[in-house]
Amino acid sequence: MWKGQSCHIGYNKIDKGEYDRTREVDYLEGSCFLIKNKVVNHIGMLDVQYFLYWEETDFCARAHKVGYNIVYVPKAKIWHKIAAASGGTSNTLSAYYMTRNRFLFMKNHASLTQVITFLLYSILFQFWVTCIILGIYYKNIGAIRSFLKGNIEGLKILIKK
C-alpha cells in the first residue's frame, strides 16, 4: 500500500513448491476471480471509475474491509494472455490507466501517512524510472505522454474532495 503498487504471488521467482498451499492474500487478478453472489450484493460490482486496471485490487480491498477473505487456490489453473485487451504494458492506454488508477486506489483506500509516502516514492523514484523505461527501453514517447497525463489526472483525483 505504501508505494501504490500490488505484487503477484511468486512474481519473478522460481517456484520451488512454496506456492502449493491455499492461503489468504490481499488481492487476486480479475482474470481469475470466482466471487460469491452475496459478496457482490454486499459491496457492489467492480468500480467503473477504474475502467481498466486496479478495479480488481479495489474490489478485493473493499471486500476485505467488510470481512471477506481473499483466497489463493493453487490447484485452480488459468491461462491468461497478459495485456491482450490493452496492447501491452508500454501502450499509451496502459500507461495512462495504470498510473491514474494508482492514485484513485490510494485515495479510496490509503491513510494520510500512506498517501504521503506514496507521493514521495512516486515523485522521487517511480516517475523518473518509468520515464526512462518508456523512453529509452521502449522508445515510446506516446506512452510517456500518457504516463504524464495519468500522473496529472491522478493528482487531481487525489486532492479532489
N, C-alpha and C. Protein backbone atom coordinates (compact mmCIF):
# COMPACT_ATOMS: atom_id res chain seq x y z
N MET A 1 0.83 -1.20 0.00
CA MET A 1 0.00 0.00 0.00
C MET A 1 0.87 1.26 0.00
N TRP A 2 2.01 1.21 0.61
CA TRP A 2 2.84 2.40 0.78
C TRP A 2 3.33 2.97 -0.54
N LYS A 3 3.56 2.13 -1.53
CA LYS A 3 4.07 2.58 -2.82
C LYS A 3 2.97 2.68 -3.87
N GLY A 4 1.76 2.31 -3.52
CA GLY A 4 0.70 2.29 -4.50
C GLY A 4 0.95 1.22 -5.55
N GLN A 5 1.49 0.10 -5.11
CA GLN A 5 1.79 -1.00 -6.02
C GLN A 5 1.23 -2.29 -5.47
N SER A 6 0.90 -3.18 -6.37
CA SER A 6 0.49 -4.52 -5.97
C SER A 6 1.48 -5.50 -6.58
N CYS A 7 1.59 -6.66 -5.98
CA CYS A 7 2.56 -7.64 -6.46
C CYS A 7 1.95 -9.03 -6.45
N HIS A 8 2.15 -9.76 -7.52
CA HIS A 8 1.63 -11.11 -7.63
C HIS A 8 2.44 -12.08 -6.78
N ILE A 9 1.78 -13.10 -6.29
CA ILE A 9 2.47 -14.16 -5.55
C ILE A 9 3.50 -14.79 -6.48
N GLY A 10 4.74 -14.84 -6.03
CA GLY A 10 5.79 -15.50 -6.78
C GLY A 10 6.29 -14.77 -8.01
N TYR A 11 5.94 -13.50 -8.14
CA TYR A 11 6.35 -12.74 -9.32
C TYR A 11 7.87 -12.71 -9.44
N ASN A 12 8.37 -13.10 -10.59
CA ASN A 12 9.81 -13.13 -10.90
C ASN A 12 10.61 -14.06 -9.98
N LYS A 13 9.95 -15.06 -9.43
CA LYS A 13 10.64 -16.02 -8.57
C LYS A 13 10.48 -17.43 -9.13
N ILE A 14 11.44 -18.27 -8.86
CA ILE A 14 11.36 -19.67 -9.26
C ILE A 14 10.46 -20.39 -8.26
N ASP A 15 9.50 -21.13 -8.80
CA ASP A 15 8.56 -21.88 -7.96
C ASP A 15 9.24 -23.15 -7.46
N LYS A 16 9.47 -23.20 -6.16
CA LYS A 16 10.09 -24.37 -5.53
C LYS A 16 9.08 -25.09 -4.63
N GLY A 17 7.81 -24.87 -4.91
CA GLY A 17 6.76 -25.53 -4.14
C GLY A 17 6.15 -24.69 -3.05
N GLU A 18 6.69 -23.49 -2.83
CA GLU A 18 6.17 -22.65 -1.74
C GLU A 18 4.82 -22.02 -2.06
N TYR A 19 4.35 -22.18 -3.30
CA TYR A 19 3.06 -21.61 -3.69
C TYR A 19 1.99 -22.70 -3.82
N ASP A 20 2.24 -23.85 -3.24
CA ASP A 20 1.36 -25.01 -3.41
C ASP A 20 0.28 -25.13 -2.34
N ARG A 21 0.16 -24.15 -1.47
CA ARG A 21 -0.86 -24.25 -0.42
C ARG A 21 -1.90 -23.13 -0.57
N THR A 22 -3.13 -23.45 -0.25
CA THR A 22 -4.21 -22.47 -0.25
C THR A 22 -3.93 -21.48 0.88
N ARG A 23 -4.10 -20.19 0.58
CA ARG A 23 -3.85 -19.19 1.63
C ARG A 23 -4.57 -17.88 1.30
N GLU A 24 -4.73 -17.07 2.34
CA GLU A 24 -5.33 -15.75 2.16
C GLU A 24 -4.30 -14.81 1.57
N VAL A 25 -4.78 -13.92 0.70
CA VAL A 25 -3.93 -12.92 0.06
C VAL A 25 -4.64 -11.57 0.10
N ASP A 26 -3.94 -10.52 -0.26
CA ASP A 26 -4.55 -9.19 -0.28
C ASP A 26 -5.43 -8.96 -1.50
N TYR A 27 -5.04 -9.54 -2.64
CA TYR A 27 -5.84 -9.35 -3.84
C TYR A 27 -5.57 -10.47 -4.83
N LEU A 28 -6.45 -10.60 -5.80
CA LEU A 28 -6.30 -11.54 -6.90
C LEU A 28 -6.52 -10.81 -8.21
N GLU A 29 -5.97 -11.34 -9.26
CA GLU A 29 -6.20 -10.79 -10.59
C GLU A 29 -7.65 -11.00 -10.99
N GLY A 30 -8.23 -10.03 -11.63
CA GLY A 30 -9.62 -10.12 -12.07
C GLY A 30 -9.84 -11.22 -13.10
N SER A 31 -8.79 -11.62 -13.78
CA SER A 31 -8.93 -12.68 -14.79
C SER A 31 -9.17 -14.04 -14.15
N CYS A 32 -9.01 -14.14 -12.84
CA CYS A 32 -9.19 -15.44 -12.19
C CYS A 32 -10.07 -15.35 -10.94
N PHE A 33 -11.04 -14.47 -10.98
CA PHE A 33 -11.97 -14.33 -9.86
C PHE A 33 -13.06 -15.41 -9.90
N LEU A 34 -13.39 -15.92 -8.76
CA LEU A 34 -14.64 -16.61 -8.52
C LEU A 34 -15.23 -15.91 -7.31
N ILE A 35 -16.37 -15.27 -7.50
CA ILE A 35 -16.94 -14.42 -6.45
C ILE A 35 -18.32 -14.92 -6.08
N LYS A 36 -18.57 -15.06 -4.80
CA LYS A 36 -19.90 -15.44 -4.34
C LYS A 36 -20.86 -14.27 -4.57
N ASN A 37 -22.07 -14.61 -4.94
CA ASN A 37 -23.10 -13.62 -5.21
C ASN A 37 -23.33 -12.71 -4.01
N LYS A 38 -23.26 -13.26 -2.79
CA LYS A 38 -23.51 -12.46 -1.59
C LYS A 38 -22.46 -11.36 -1.43
N VAL A 39 -21.24 -11.60 -1.91
CA VAL A 39 -20.19 -10.57 -1.82
C VAL A 39 -20.55 -9.40 -2.74
N VAL A 40 -20.94 -9.71 -3.97
CA VAL A 40 -21.33 -8.66 -4.92
C VAL A 40 -22.55 -7.91 -4.41
N ASN A 41 -23.51 -8.63 -3.85
CA ASN A 41 -24.70 -7.97 -3.28
C ASN A 41 -24.33 -7.06 -2.12
N HIS A 42 -23.30 -7.41 -1.36
CA HIS A 42 -22.89 -6.64 -0.19
C HIS A 42 -22.05 -5.41 -0.57
N ILE A 43 -21.05 -5.58 -1.43
CA ILE A 43 -20.12 -4.47 -1.71
C ILE A 43 -20.27 -3.87 -3.11
N GLY A 44 -21.08 -4.48 -3.95
CA GLY A 44 -21.27 -3.97 -5.30
C GLY A 44 -20.30 -4.61 -6.29
N MET A 45 -20.42 -4.16 -7.53
CA MET A 45 -19.61 -4.69 -8.63
C MET A 45 -18.23 -4.03 -8.64
N LEU A 46 -17.46 -4.34 -9.67
CA LEU A 46 -16.20 -3.64 -9.89
C LEU A 46 -16.52 -2.16 -10.12
N ASP A 47 -15.72 -1.28 -9.56
CA ASP A 47 -15.95 0.16 -9.64
C ASP A 47 -15.62 0.66 -11.05
N VAL A 48 -16.62 1.21 -11.74
CA VAL A 48 -16.43 1.66 -13.13
C VAL A 48 -15.51 2.88 -13.25
N GLN A 49 -15.25 3.57 -12.14
CA GLN A 49 -14.30 4.69 -12.20
C GLN A 49 -12.92 4.25 -12.67
N TYR A 50 -12.59 3.00 -12.38
CA TYR A 50 -11.26 2.50 -12.75
C TYR A 50 -11.19 2.18 -14.24
N PHE A 51 -12.25 1.69 -14.82
CA PHE A 51 -12.36 1.32 -16.23
C PHE A 51 -11.39 0.22 -16.63
N LEU A 52 -10.11 0.44 -16.44
CA LEU A 52 -9.08 -0.51 -16.87
C LEU A 52 -7.95 -0.46 -15.85
N TYR A 53 -7.60 -1.55 -15.29
CA TYR A 53 -6.54 -1.70 -14.29
C TYR A 53 -6.95 -1.19 -12.90
N TRP A 54 -6.57 -1.94 -11.92
CA TRP A 54 -6.77 -1.68 -10.49
C TRP A 54 -8.20 -1.93 -10.02
N GLU A 55 -9.15 -2.21 -10.92
CA GLU A 55 -10.52 -2.43 -10.48
C GLU A 55 -10.65 -3.67 -9.61
N GLU A 56 -9.88 -4.72 -9.92
CA GLU A 56 -9.94 -5.92 -9.10
C GLU A 56 -9.23 -5.73 -7.77
N THR A 57 -8.19 -4.92 -7.75
CA THR A 57 -7.49 -4.63 -6.50
C THR A 57 -8.41 -3.84 -5.58
N ASP A 58 -9.12 -2.87 -6.13
CA ASP A 58 -10.11 -2.10 -5.38
C ASP A 58 -11.22 -3.02 -4.85
N PHE A 59 -11.71 -3.91 -5.70
CA PHE A 59 -12.77 -4.83 -5.30
C PHE A 59 -12.32 -5.68 -4.11
N CYS A 60 -11.11 -6.22 -4.21
CA CYS A 60 -10.57 -7.05 -3.12
C CYS A 60 -10.40 -6.24 -1.83
N ALA A 61 -9.94 -5.00 -1.96
CA ALA A 61 -9.76 -4.15 -0.77
C ALA A 61 -11.11 -3.86 -0.12
N ARG A 62 -12.13 -3.59 -0.93
CA ARG A 62 -13.47 -3.34 -0.38
C ARG A 62 -14.03 -4.59 0.29
N ALA A 63 -13.83 -5.74 -0.33
CA ALA A 63 -14.31 -7.00 0.24
C ALA A 63 -13.60 -7.29 1.56
N HIS A 64 -12.31 -7.09 1.57
CA HIS A 64 -11.52 -7.36 2.77
C HIS A 64 -11.93 -6.43 3.92
N LYS A 65 -12.21 -5.17 3.60
CA LYS A 65 -12.60 -4.19 4.63
C LYS A 65 -13.86 -4.59 5.38
N VAL A 66 -14.76 -5.30 4.70
CA VAL A 66 -16.01 -5.69 5.36
C VAL A 66 -15.98 -7.14 5.82
N GLY A 67 -14.80 -7.74 5.83
CA GLY A 67 -14.65 -9.04 6.46
C GLY A 67 -14.56 -10.26 5.57
N TYR A 68 -14.60 -10.08 4.26
CA TYR A 68 -14.48 -11.25 3.38
C TYR A 68 -13.01 -11.61 3.20
N ASN A 69 -12.76 -12.89 3.01
CA ASN A 69 -11.40 -13.37 2.77
C ASN A 69 -11.13 -13.46 1.27
N ILE A 70 -9.93 -13.09 0.89
CA ILE A 70 -9.47 -13.24 -0.49
C ILE A 70 -8.52 -14.44 -0.46
N VAL A 71 -8.86 -15.48 -1.21
CA VAL A 71 -8.13 -16.74 -1.07
C VAL A 71 -7.48 -17.15 -2.39
N TYR A 72 -6.21 -17.47 -2.30
CA TYR A 72 -5.44 -18.02 -3.42
C TYR A 72 -5.53 -19.54 -3.34
N VAL A 73 -5.97 -20.16 -4.44
CA VAL A 73 -6.11 -21.61 -4.50
C VAL A 73 -5.20 -22.13 -5.61
N PRO A 74 -4.08 -22.75 -5.25
CA PRO A 74 -3.09 -23.13 -6.25
C PRO A 74 -3.54 -24.22 -7.22
N LYS A 75 -4.54 -25.01 -6.84
CA LYS A 75 -5.00 -26.06 -7.76
C LYS A 75 -5.85 -25.49 -8.89
N ALA A 76 -6.35 -24.29 -8.71
CA ALA A 76 -7.10 -23.63 -9.78
C ALA A 76 -6.11 -23.16 -10.83
N LYS A 77 -6.39 -23.43 -12.07
CA LYS A 77 -5.47 -23.06 -13.16
C LYS A 77 -6.18 -22.13 -14.13
N ILE A 78 -5.45 -21.13 -14.57
CA ILE A 78 -5.96 -20.21 -15.58
C ILE A 78 -4.82 -19.82 -16.50
N TRP A 79 -5.12 -19.73 -17.76
CA TRP A 79 -4.15 -19.24 -18.73
C TRP A 79 -4.67 -17.90 -19.21
N HIS A 80 -3.85 -16.89 -19.05
CA HIS A 80 -4.26 -15.52 -19.32
C HIS A 80 -3.21 -14.83 -20.17
N LYS A 81 -3.62 -14.33 -21.32
CA LYS A 81 -2.68 -13.59 -22.16
C LYS A 81 -2.60 -12.18 -21.60
N ILE A 82 -1.51 -11.88 -20.95
CA ILE A 82 -1.33 -10.61 -20.24
C ILE A 82 -1.43 -9.44 -21.19
N ALA A 83 -2.22 -8.45 -20.81
CA ALA A 83 -2.38 -7.18 -21.52
C ALA A 83 -2.90 -7.36 -22.95
N ALA A 84 -3.60 -8.44 -23.24
CA ALA A 84 -4.12 -8.66 -24.58
C ALA A 84 -5.15 -7.60 -24.97
N ALA A 85 -5.98 -7.19 -24.03
CA ALA A 85 -7.02 -6.21 -24.33
C ALA A 85 -6.48 -4.80 -24.52
N SER A 86 -5.38 -4.48 -23.84
CA SER A 86 -4.87 -3.11 -23.87
C SER A 86 -3.68 -2.93 -24.79
N GLY A 87 -3.10 -4.00 -25.29
CA GLY A 87 -1.98 -3.87 -26.22
C GLY A 87 -0.61 -3.91 -25.58
N GLY A 88 -0.52 -4.19 -24.30
CA GLY A 88 0.79 -4.31 -23.66
C GLY A 88 1.03 -3.24 -22.62
N THR A 89 2.02 -3.47 -21.79
CA THR A 89 2.27 -2.57 -20.67
C THR A 89 2.91 -1.26 -21.07
N SER A 90 3.49 -1.17 -22.27
CA SER A 90 4.08 0.10 -22.71
C SER A 90 3.14 0.86 -23.64
N ASN A 91 1.92 0.40 -23.77
CA ASN A 91 0.90 1.02 -24.59
C ASN A 91 0.43 2.32 -23.94
N THR A 92 -0.02 3.28 -24.74
CA THR A 92 -0.48 4.57 -24.19
C THR A 92 -1.67 4.39 -23.25
N LEU A 93 -2.60 3.53 -23.62
CA LEU A 93 -3.77 3.28 -22.78
C LEU A 93 -3.35 2.70 -21.43
N SER A 94 -2.47 1.73 -21.45
CA SER A 94 -1.98 1.11 -20.21
C SER A 94 -1.23 2.12 -19.36
N ALA A 95 -0.36 2.89 -19.99
CA ALA A 95 0.45 3.88 -19.25
C ALA A 95 -0.45 4.87 -18.52
N TYR A 96 -1.51 5.31 -19.18
CA TYR A 96 -2.42 6.28 -18.57
C TYR A 96 -3.20 5.66 -17.40
N TYR A 97 -3.91 4.56 -17.67
CA TYR A 97 -4.80 4.00 -16.64
C TYR A 97 -4.05 3.35 -15.49
N MET A 98 -2.93 2.70 -15.76
CA MET A 98 -2.14 2.13 -14.66
C MET A 98 -1.71 3.23 -13.69
N THR A 99 -1.31 4.36 -14.25
CA THR A 99 -0.83 5.48 -13.44
C THR A 99 -1.98 6.19 -12.72
N ARG A 100 -2.96 6.62 -13.47
CA ARG A 100 -4.10 7.34 -12.91
C ARG A 100 -4.78 6.53 -11.81
N ASN A 101 -4.98 5.25 -12.07
CA ASN A 101 -5.75 4.43 -11.14
C ASN A 101 -5.00 4.08 -9.86
N ARG A 102 -3.68 4.15 -9.88
CA ARG A 102 -2.92 4.01 -8.63
C ARG A 102 -3.31 5.13 -7.68
N PHE A 103 -3.43 6.34 -8.20
CA PHE A 103 -3.84 7.49 -7.39
C PHE A 103 -5.26 7.30 -6.87
N LEU A 104 -6.17 6.85 -7.75
CA LEU A 104 -7.55 6.62 -7.35
C LEU A 104 -7.63 5.57 -6.24
N PHE A 105 -6.87 4.49 -6.39
CA PHE A 105 -6.84 3.45 -5.36
C PHE A 105 -6.34 4.02 -4.04
N MET A 106 -5.27 4.79 -4.08
CA MET A 106 -4.71 5.37 -2.86
C MET A 106 -5.72 6.31 -2.20
N LYS A 107 -6.42 7.09 -3.00
CA LYS A 107 -7.44 7.99 -2.43
C LYS A 107 -8.52 7.18 -1.72
N ASN A 108 -8.92 6.07 -2.33
CA ASN A 108 -10.02 5.28 -1.79
C ASN A 108 -9.64 4.40 -0.60
N HIS A 109 -8.36 4.04 -0.48
CA HIS A 109 -8.01 3.00 0.50
C HIS A 109 -6.84 3.32 1.43
N ALA A 110 -6.08 4.35 1.17
CA ALA A 110 -4.86 4.59 1.96
C ALA A 110 -5.09 5.62 3.06
N SER A 111 -4.31 5.50 4.11
CA SER A 111 -4.30 6.50 5.18
C SER A 111 -3.50 7.72 4.69
N LEU A 112 -3.58 8.82 5.41
CA LEU A 112 -2.84 10.02 5.04
C LEU A 112 -1.34 9.74 5.00
N THR A 113 -0.83 9.01 5.98
CA THR A 113 0.59 8.67 6.01
C THR A 113 0.98 7.84 4.79
N GLN A 114 0.14 6.90 4.42
CA GLN A 114 0.41 6.08 3.24
C GLN A 114 0.38 6.91 1.96
N VAL A 115 -0.55 7.85 1.87
CA VAL A 115 -0.63 8.72 0.69
C VAL A 115 0.63 9.57 0.58
N ILE A 116 1.08 10.14 1.68
CA ILE A 116 2.30 10.96 1.66
C ILE A 116 3.50 10.12 1.23
N THR A 117 3.63 8.92 1.78
CA THR A 117 4.72 8.02 1.39
C THR A 117 4.63 7.67 -0.09
N PHE A 118 3.42 7.37 -0.55
CA PHE A 118 3.18 7.07 -1.96
C PHE A 118 3.60 8.23 -2.86
N LEU A 119 3.22 9.44 -2.49
CA LEU A 119 3.58 10.61 -3.30
C LEU A 119 5.09 10.82 -3.34
N LEU A 120 5.75 10.70 -2.21
CA LEU A 120 7.21 10.84 -2.18
C LEU A 120 7.88 9.78 -3.06
N TYR A 121 7.47 8.54 -2.91
CA TYR A 121 8.02 7.45 -3.71
C TYR A 121 7.75 7.70 -5.20
N SER A 122 6.52 8.09 -5.52
CA SER A 122 6.14 8.31 -6.91
C SER A 122 6.94 9.43 -7.56
N ILE A 123 7.07 10.54 -6.85
CA ILE A 123 7.75 11.72 -7.41
C ILE A 123 9.27 11.54 -7.44
N LEU A 124 9.83 11.03 -6.35
CA LEU A 124 11.29 10.95 -6.26
C LEU A 124 11.89 9.74 -6.98
N PHE A 125 11.11 8.69 -7.18
CA PHE A 125 11.68 7.49 -7.77
C PHE A 125 10.90 6.98 -8.98
N GLN A 126 9.67 6.54 -8.77
CA GLN A 126 8.93 5.85 -9.82
C GLN A 126 8.71 6.70 -11.07
N PHE A 127 8.43 7.97 -10.89
CA PHE A 127 8.20 8.86 -12.03
C PHE A 127 9.38 8.83 -12.99
N TRP A 128 10.57 9.00 -12.44
CA TRP A 128 11.78 9.07 -13.27
C TRP A 128 12.13 7.72 -13.88
N VAL A 129 12.01 6.67 -13.11
CA VAL A 129 12.32 5.33 -13.61
C VAL A 129 11.37 4.97 -14.76
N THR A 130 10.09 5.25 -14.59
CA THR A 130 9.12 4.93 -15.63
C THR A 130 9.39 5.73 -16.89
N CYS A 131 9.70 7.01 -16.76
CA CYS A 131 10.03 7.83 -17.94
C CYS A 131 11.25 7.27 -18.67
N ILE A 132 12.25 6.85 -17.92
CA ILE A 132 13.45 6.27 -18.54
C ILE A 132 13.12 4.95 -19.24
N ILE A 133 12.35 4.10 -18.59
CA ILE A 133 11.99 2.81 -19.20
C ILE A 133 11.17 3.01 -20.47
N LEU A 134 10.15 3.87 -20.38
CA LEU A 134 9.30 4.10 -21.56
C LEU A 134 10.07 4.80 -22.68
N GLY A 135 10.96 5.72 -22.30
CA GLY A 135 11.70 6.48 -23.31
C GLY A 135 12.88 5.75 -23.90
N ILE A 136 13.71 5.16 -23.06
CA ILE A 136 14.95 4.53 -23.54
C ILE A 136 14.71 3.08 -23.97
N TYR A 137 14.06 2.30 -23.13
CA TYR A 137 13.88 0.89 -23.44
C TYR A 137 12.82 0.69 -24.53
N TYR A 138 11.64 1.28 -24.33
CA TYR A 138 10.56 1.10 -25.30
C TYR A 138 10.57 2.15 -26.41
N LYS A 139 11.27 3.26 -26.19
CA LYS A 139 11.30 4.36 -27.16
C LYS A 139 9.88 4.78 -27.56
N ASN A 140 9.05 4.96 -26.55
CA ASN A 140 7.64 5.23 -26.77
C ASN A 140 7.26 6.57 -26.14
N ILE A 141 7.40 7.63 -26.93
CA ILE A 141 7.08 8.98 -26.46
C ILE A 141 5.60 9.12 -26.15
N GLY A 142 4.75 8.46 -26.93
CA GLY A 142 3.31 8.49 -26.66
C GLY A 142 2.96 7.93 -25.30
N ALA A 143 3.63 6.85 -24.92
CA ALA A 143 3.39 6.25 -23.60
C ALA A 143 3.88 7.18 -22.49
N ILE A 144 4.98 7.90 -22.74
CA ILE A 144 5.46 8.88 -21.74
C ILE A 144 4.41 9.97 -21.56
N ARG A 145 3.86 10.47 -22.66
CA ARG A 145 2.82 11.49 -22.58
C ARG A 145 1.61 10.98 -21.79
N SER A 146 1.21 9.75 -22.08
CA SER A 146 0.07 9.15 -21.37
C SER A 146 0.38 8.96 -19.89
N PHE A 147 1.60 8.56 -19.59
CA PHE A 147 2.05 8.41 -18.20
C PHE A 147 2.00 9.75 -17.48
N LEU A 148 2.47 10.81 -18.13
CA LEU A 148 2.43 12.15 -17.54
C LEU A 148 0.99 12.59 -17.32
N LYS A 149 0.14 12.36 -18.32
CA LYS A 149 -1.28 12.70 -18.19
C LYS A 149 -1.92 11.91 -17.04
N GLY A 150 -1.57 10.64 -16.91
CA GLY A 150 -2.08 9.82 -15.81
C GLY A 150 -1.67 10.36 -14.46
N ASN A 151 -0.43 10.86 -14.36
CA ASN A 151 0.04 11.47 -13.11
C ASN A 151 -0.73 12.75 -12.79
N ILE A 152 -0.93 13.58 -13.80
CA ILE A 152 -1.66 14.84 -13.60
C ILE A 152 -3.11 14.56 -13.18
N GLU A 153 -3.79 13.67 -13.93
CA GLU A 153 -5.17 13.32 -13.58
C GLU A 153 -5.24 12.65 -12.21
N GLY A 154 -4.25 11.81 -11.92
CA GLY A 154 -4.20 11.14 -10.62
C GLY A 154 -4.05 12.12 -9.47
N LEU A 155 -3.18 13.11 -9.65
CA LEU A 155 -3.02 14.14 -8.61
C LEU A 155 -4.31 14.92 -8.41
N LYS A 156 -5.01 15.22 -9.51
CA LYS A 156 -6.30 15.91 -9.40
C LYS A 156 -7.30 15.08 -8.60
N ILE A 157 -7.34 13.78 -8.88
CA ILE A 157 -8.23 12.87 -8.15
C ILE A 157 -7.87 12.85 -6.66
N LEU A 158 -6.59 12.79 -6.39
CA LEU A 158 -6.11 12.67 -5.01
C LEU A 158 -6.46 13.90 -4.16
N ILE A 159 -6.38 15.09 -4.76
CA ILE A 159 -6.64 16.31 -3.99
C ILE A 159 -8.11 16.73 -4.00
N LYS A 160 -8.89 16.13 -4.91
CA LYS A 160 -10.31 16.46 -5.00
C LYS A 160 -11.06 15.87 -3.80
N LYS A 161 -11.97 16.66 -3.23
CA LYS A 161 -12.74 16.18 -2.07
C LYS A 161 -13.89 15.33 -2.48
